[in-house]
N, C-alpha and C. Protein backbone atom coordinates (compact mmCIF):
# COMPACT_ATOMS: atom_id res chain seq x y z
N UNK A 1 97.10 106.84 102.20
CA UNK A 1 98.44 106.96 103.07
C UNK A 1 99.44 106.39 102.03
N UNK A 2 100.67 107.17 101.91
CA UNK A 2 101.52 106.47 100.93
C UNK A 2 102.51 105.34 101.79
N UNK A 3 102.63 104.19 101.16
CA UNK A 3 103.46 103.48 101.56
C UNK A 3 104.80 103.49 101.56
N UNK A 4 105.39 104.39 100.89
CA UNK A 4 106.90 104.78 100.57
C UNK A 4 107.36 105.29 101.91
N UNK A 5 106.63 106.13 102.74
CA UNK A 5 107.37 106.23 103.93
C UNK A 5 107.55 105.58 105.44
N UNK A 6 106.97 104.32 104.70
CA UNK A 6 107.08 103.44 105.66
C UNK A 6 108.35 102.08 105.44
N UNK A 7 108.73 101.62 106.70
CA UNK A 7 109.63 100.66 106.40
C UNK A 7 108.71 99.51 105.62
N UNK A 8 107.81 99.10 105.94
CA UNK A 8 107.11 97.92 105.50
C UNK A 8 105.59 98.25 105.68
N UNK A 9 104.78 97.16 105.04
CA UNK A 9 103.19 97.16 104.97
C UNK A 9 102.90 97.00 106.46
N UNK A 10 103.45 96.38 107.46
CA UNK A 10 103.10 96.11 109.11
C UNK A 10 103.08 97.75 109.52
N UNK A 11 104.07 98.31 109.23
CA UNK A 11 104.00 99.53 110.04
C UNK A 11 103.09 100.46 109.31
N UNK A 12 102.39 100.26 108.21
CA UNK A 12 101.36 101.22 107.83
C UNK A 12 100.47 100.72 108.21
N UNK A 13 100.07 99.64 108.51
CA UNK A 13 98.87 98.96 109.14
C UNK A 13 98.91 99.40 110.57
N UNK A 14 99.98 99.31 111.21
CA UNK A 14 100.05 99.84 112.56
C UNK A 14 99.46 101.28 112.67
N UNK A 15 100.05 102.16 111.57
CA UNK A 15 99.62 103.57 111.67
C UNK A 15 98.33 103.45 111.44
N UNK A 16 97.85 103.15 110.49
CA UNK A 16 96.27 103.46 110.42
C UNK A 16 95.43 102.91 111.78
N UNK A 17 95.76 101.79 112.36
CA UNK A 17 95.22 101.48 113.75
C UNK A 17 95.38 102.93 114.42
N UNK A 18 96.59 103.13 114.55
CA UNK A 18 96.96 104.30 115.57
C UNK A 18 95.78 105.59 115.14
N UNK A 19 95.85 105.65 113.84
CA UNK A 19 94.85 106.77 113.49
C UNK A 19 93.57 106.80 113.74
N UNK A 20 93.24 105.47 113.73
CA UNK A 20 91.71 105.22 114.06
C UNK A 20 91.56 105.06 115.68
N UNK A 21 92.32 104.45 116.52
CA UNK A 21 92.17 105.04 117.72
C UNK A 21 92.05 106.20 118.38
N UNK A 22 93.04 106.80 117.87
CA UNK A 22 92.91 108.69 117.99
C UNK A 22 91.74 109.17 117.67
N UNK A 23 91.06 108.96 116.39
CA UNK A 23 90.25 109.32 116.23
C UNK A 23 88.76 109.08 116.89
N UNK A 24 88.92 107.75 117.26
CA UNK A 24 87.85 107.23 118.28
C UNK A 24 88.04 107.82 119.51
N UNK A 25 88.94 108.52 120.17
CA UNK A 25 89.24 109.21 121.19
C UNK A 25 88.86 110.38 121.15
N UNK A 26 88.36 111.18 119.87
CA UNK A 26 88.04 112.61 119.79
C UNK A 26 88.78 113.40 119.21
N UNK A 27 89.83 112.97 118.41
CA UNK A 27 91.10 113.75 117.85
C UNK A 27 90.08 114.18 116.41
N UNK A 28 90.55 115.69 116.48
CA UNK A 28 89.69 116.28 115.43
C UNK A 28 90.66 116.17 113.87
N UNK A 29 91.77 115.98 114.25
CA UNK A 29 92.72 115.34 112.89
C UNK A 29 93.62 114.54 113.42
N UNK A 30 94.12 113.67 112.64
CA UNK A 30 95.33 112.79 112.96
C UNK A 30 96.07 113.03 111.57
N UNK A 31 97.70 112.74 112.04
CA UNK A 31 98.50 112.77 110.66
C UNK A 31 100.02 112.41 110.95
N UNK A 32 100.60 112.34 110.14
CA UNK A 32 102.12 112.26 110.27
C UNK A 32 102.79 113.41 110.17
N UNK A 33 103.77 113.69 111.26
CA UNK A 33 104.48 114.75 111.60
C UNK A 33 105.29 115.05 110.64
N UNK A 34 105.52 116.38 110.20
CA UNK A 34 106.15 117.21 109.61
C UNK A 34 107.69 116.93 109.62
N UNK A 35 108.71 117.05 108.78
CA UNK A 35 109.99 116.69 109.03
C UNK A 35 110.56 117.57 109.98
N UNK A 36 109.94 119.09 109.75
CA UNK A 36 110.67 120.12 110.77
C UNK A 36 110.57 119.60 111.99
N UNK A 37 109.32 119.17 112.58
CA UNK A 37 108.91 118.98 114.07
C UNK A 37 109.70 117.73 114.36
N UNK A 38 109.70 116.82 113.26
CA UNK A 38 110.36 115.20 113.51
C UNK A 38 111.83 115.80 113.97
N UNK A 39 112.72 116.50 113.27
CA UNK A 39 113.70 116.68 113.50
C UNK A 39 113.94 117.24 115.05
N UNK A 40 112.82 118.24 115.16
CA UNK A 40 113.21 118.69 116.53
C UNK A 40 113.18 118.18 117.55
N UNK A 41 111.93 117.03 117.59
CA UNK A 41 111.73 116.43 118.65
C UNK A 41 112.01 114.80 119.07
N UNK A 42 112.15 114.50 118.01
CA UNK A 42 112.33 113.04 118.16
C UNK A 42 113.67 112.40 116.65
N UNK A 43 114.29 112.97 116.57
CA UNK A 43 115.04 112.64 114.75
C UNK A 43 115.25 111.11 114.90
N UNK A 44 115.03 110.32 115.81
CA UNK A 44 115.41 108.67 116.03
C UNK A 44 114.08 108.37 115.49
N UNK A 45 112.91 108.80 115.81
CA UNK A 45 111.84 107.76 115.62
C UNK A 45 111.64 107.69 114.00
N UNK A 46 111.08 106.61 113.72
CA UNK A 46 110.78 105.99 112.17
C UNK A 46 109.74 107.14 111.74
N UNK A 47 108.47 106.97 112.57
CA UNK A 47 107.32 107.50 112.30
C UNK A 47 106.74 108.58 113.45
N UNK A 48 106.22 109.93 113.32
CA UNK A 48 105.97 110.49 114.28
C UNK A 48 104.40 110.87 113.97
N UNK A 49 103.66 110.97 115.07
CA UNK A 49 102.23 110.72 114.46
C UNK A 49 101.68 112.08 115.38
N UNK A 50 100.66 112.74 114.71
CA UNK A 50 100.19 114.04 115.62
C UNK A 50 98.81 113.70 115.38
N UNK A 51 98.16 114.39 116.56
CA UNK A 51 96.65 114.17 116.56
C UNK A 51 96.59 115.44 117.39
N UNK A 52 95.55 116.05 116.77
CA UNK A 52 94.99 117.29 117.28
C UNK A 52 93.60 116.98 118.10
N UNK A 53 93.62 117.62 119.36
CA UNK A 53 92.38 117.75 119.99
C UNK A 53 91.77 118.87 120.41
N UNK A 54 90.49 118.86 120.64
CA UNK A 54 89.92 120.01 120.95
C UNK A 54 90.68 120.59 122.34
N UNK A 55 90.48 122.13 122.52
CA UNK A 55 91.08 122.95 123.67
C UNK A 55 90.32 122.13 124.95
N UNK A 56 91.20 121.72 125.77
CA UNK A 56 90.60 120.93 127.05
C UNK A 56 90.16 119.80 127.25
N UNK A 57 90.34 118.90 125.86
CA UNK A 57 89.92 117.64 125.79
C UNK A 57 91.15 116.79 126.67
N UNK A 58 90.46 115.76 127.59
CA UNK A 58 91.50 115.20 128.61
C UNK A 58 92.63 114.39 127.87
N UNK A 59 92.84 114.27 126.61
CA UNK A 59 93.74 113.53 126.07
C UNK A 59 94.88 114.46 125.60
N UNK A 60 94.45 115.93 125.47
CA UNK A 60 95.43 116.98 124.85
C UNK A 60 96.55 116.99 125.66
N UNK A 61 97.65 117.36 125.17
CA UNK A 61 98.92 117.57 126.09
C UNK A 61 99.52 118.74 125.11
N UNK A 62 100.59 119.63 126.03
CA UNK A 62 100.91 120.66 125.48
C UNK A 62 102.66 120.29 124.96
N UNK A 63 102.72 118.71 125.00
CA UNK A 63 104.20 118.69 124.79
C UNK A 63 104.47 117.57 124.39
N UNK A 64 105.68 117.01 123.59
CA UNK A 64 105.81 115.85 122.81
C UNK A 64 106.06 114.90 123.97
N UNK A 65 105.18 113.83 123.72
CA UNK A 65 105.55 112.64 124.43
C UNK A 65 106.12 111.64 123.95
N UNK A 66 106.69 110.61 124.77
CA UNK A 66 107.31 109.57 123.94
C UNK A 66 106.53 108.03 123.79
N UNK A 67 105.39 108.31 124.82
CA UNK A 67 105.02 107.13 124.53
C UNK A 67 103.22 107.40 125.03
N UNK A 68 102.52 106.88 124.41
CA UNK A 68 100.93 107.00 124.55
C UNK A 68 100.30 105.57 124.25
N UNK A 69 99.91 105.24 125.19
CA UNK A 69 99.16 103.71 125.29
C UNK A 69 100.17 103.01 124.60
N UNK A 70 101.37 102.89 124.85
CA UNK A 70 102.61 102.09 124.56
C UNK A 70 102.28 101.94 122.98
N UNK A 71 102.61 102.79 122.03
CA UNK A 71 102.85 102.60 120.77
C UNK A 71 103.84 101.80 120.46
N UNK A 72 103.86 100.96 119.44
CA UNK A 72 104.81 99.82 118.85
C UNK A 72 106.26 100.67 118.76
N UNK A 73 107.48 100.05 118.92
CA UNK A 73 108.81 100.45 118.61
C UNK A 73 108.61 101.05 117.67
N UNK A 74 109.42 102.34 117.50
CA UNK A 74 109.69 103.08 116.04
C UNK A 74 108.73 103.93 116.01
N UNK A 75 107.42 103.92 116.74
CA UNK A 75 106.56 105.19 116.90
C UNK A 75 106.67 105.96 117.87
N UNK A 76 106.24 107.32 117.74
CA UNK A 76 106.00 108.02 118.58
C UNK A 76 104.85 109.10 118.27
N UNK A 77 104.27 109.47 119.43
CA UNK A 77 102.89 110.15 119.34
C UNK A 77 102.92 111.41 120.05
N UNK A 78 102.46 112.65 119.23
CA UNK A 78 102.81 114.11 119.41
C UNK A 78 101.17 114.09 119.78
N UNK A 79 100.79 114.62 121.01
CA UNK A 79 99.50 114.97 121.13
C UNK A 79 99.45 116.18 121.35
N UNK A 80 98.70 117.14 120.73
CA UNK A 80 98.34 118.70 120.93
C UNK A 80 97.29 118.90 121.10
N UNK A 81 97.01 120.26 121.89
CA UNK A 81 95.38 120.62 121.82
C UNK A 81 95.18 121.84 120.90
N UNK A 82 94.28 121.86 120.07
CA UNK A 82 93.98 122.98 119.47
C UNK A 82 93.97 124.39 120.21
N UNK A 83 95.02 125.31 119.59
CA UNK A 83 94.87 126.64 120.07
C UNK A 83 95.49 126.78 121.45
N UNK A 84 96.35 125.66 121.76
CA UNK A 84 96.86 126.11 123.10
C UNK A 84 97.96 127.18 122.92
N UNK A 85 98.25 127.47 124.09
CA UNK A 85 99.58 128.47 124.01
C UNK A 85 100.77 127.76 124.28
N UNK A 86 101.96 127.99 123.37
CA UNK A 86 103.07 127.20 123.16
C UNK A 86 104.07 128.39 123.11
N UNK A 87 105.28 128.24 123.64
CA UNK A 87 106.37 129.25 123.54
C UNK A 87 107.63 129.10 122.74
N UNK A 88 108.35 129.90 122.16
CA UNK A 88 109.77 129.45 121.75
C UNK A 88 109.36 128.81 120.35
N UNK A 89 110.76 127.85 120.10
CA UNK A 89 110.50 127.25 118.86
C UNK A 89 109.50 126.33 118.68
N UNK A 90 109.18 125.38 119.59
CA UNK A 90 108.24 124.64 119.72
C UNK A 90 106.45 124.98 119.02
N UNK A 91 106.37 126.43 119.36
CA UNK A 91 105.18 126.90 118.86
C UNK A 91 105.11 127.21 117.54
N UNK A 92 106.39 127.49 116.80
CA UNK A 92 106.45 127.39 115.59
C UNK A 92 106.14 126.32 114.91
N UNK A 93 107.29 125.10 115.59
CA UNK A 93 106.78 123.70 115.07
C UNK A 93 105.32 123.15 115.09
N UNK A 94 104.71 123.52 116.20
CA UNK A 94 103.21 123.27 116.31
C UNK A 94 102.35 123.84 115.38
N UNK A 95 102.66 124.85 115.20
CA UNK A 95 101.67 126.00 114.38
C UNK A 95 102.00 125.33 112.72
N UNK A 96 103.05 124.97 112.43
CA UNK A 96 103.32 124.69 111.00
C UNK A 96 102.59 122.95 110.88
N UNK A 97 102.80 122.13 112.01
CA UNK A 97 102.53 121.29 111.71
C UNK A 97 100.91 121.04 111.62
N UNK A 98 100.29 121.71 112.58
CA UNK A 98 98.53 121.98 112.24
C UNK A 98 98.33 122.44 111.22
N UNK A 99 99.25 123.44 110.65
CA UNK A 99 98.74 123.74 109.15
C UNK A 99 98.76 122.95 108.25
N UNK A 100 99.94 121.89 108.26
CA UNK A 100 100.29 120.95 107.58
C UNK A 100 98.88 120.13 107.46
N UNK A 101 98.50 119.45 108.63
CA UNK A 101 97.71 118.74 109.04
C UNK A 101 96.13 119.26 108.34
N UNK A 102 96.20 120.52 108.51
CA UNK A 102 95.04 120.85 107.78
C UNK A 102 94.41 120.96 106.31
N UNK A 103 96.20 120.70 105.76
CA UNK A 103 96.16 120.45 104.35
C UNK A 103 96.18 119.40 103.91
N UNK A 104 96.60 118.03 104.72
CA UNK A 104 96.66 117.08 104.61
C UNK A 104 95.82 116.03 105.36
N UNK A 105 94.60 116.73 105.59
CA UNK A 105 93.66 115.70 106.77
C UNK A 105 93.40 114.26 106.29
N UNK A 106 93.47 113.70 107.19
CA UNK A 106 93.49 111.85 107.30
C UNK A 106 91.87 111.94 107.77
N UNK A 107 91.13 110.78 106.92
CA UNK A 107 89.86 110.47 107.57
C UNK A 107 89.83 109.32 108.27
């Protein structure tokens, strides 16, 4: 994970911990949100995080949420369910983001 996109090393460390926690909760993939989805959903956030969960997973949601387990200030987490049905512009953003995550999968 590149440090250039973070304000400081502390923010990078927090992000790594959030990734680890989401993977522990069953996320298939976690990653940083693409700029298009970031502009659409929350342009004021410093870093947006995406987690892709299996369809039907209890932690999966189909909409952007501003707070999941109280992330630190400056962070928002987008939790989506793989292959869920979306409509409109958000569907395009989600598909782009999941494709982006597939290319940039983080372990």
